């Protein structure tokens, strides 16, 4: 551990790794919302304590319930009610993205996404804002609009992942998905883990199981995260053979009903929202690392 002393304190990058909340967002929560206030060293460097870890868990709980960050500060105060229902702020953000999307205003979309990435943990922002927008565009917009926004968001998430990996030493995670329609889910997962300083590799959405196993061996990845689109039985059987891989594998997405019967110590099925899955993954790895 990279603690500042023996009292359980963490510099901002280590704290971000433990919580999955990137340093930019931690600073925004401090400066803009006053929702988390780190301690300071004599030289002015931020550091966080075990109490801050508990606070972030509480914040993430309320975010998972659909409350925007501006309301969470009120909810953390005992007996205080939020000033509007959960979801109102998310709907406003979604409408702003819809407006820019229908106008194909790529610059405005990038601005809105930058604000969202800075204000929320990426998995939370994806769950409550980006995924609903993409799903609605697929149903209601022209195919050209839907494909264009899919590409723009894919480009933005890929760029963010590249920026993160320049600085992330590990542990190494190989992320894969089996269908273009869920590729944004896989990229959002990669960026959420990148915020926790995992070294993430992603090679597109058309790998088959044997290719994924070969890449895993070549990279000596410590974990594989596989995100699945609904599969035919024959295809599902092929992916389930990953439990023969020496590397632990996490599977999310639409999992065949019979698959959970085959869960092993090397094969774990992830449940809940992306935010909950990412937190489970980060916590599990942190516990493994710190308590051999």
Foldseek 3Di string as FASTA:
>chain_A
DPAPDDQAKAFQLQLCLLQLQFPLQVVCCCPVQVQDDFDADPVGGGMHGPVRSVSSVQQVVVLLVQAFSNQVSQVVDPPGDGPDDRLPVLVVLQVQLVVCLVVVVLVSNVVSVVVLVSNDQLLSCCQRHVVVSLVCCVVPPDPVSSVSVLVSLVVVLVVLLVVLLVPAPADEEEEEEADPVCVSVRSSLSNSNSSSRHNYDYDDHHDALVRVLVVCVVVVHQEYEYEYDDDDPVSLVRNLCCLVRPHAYEYEYDHPPVSVVVADPRYHYADDGSSVRSSVVSNVVVCVVVPD
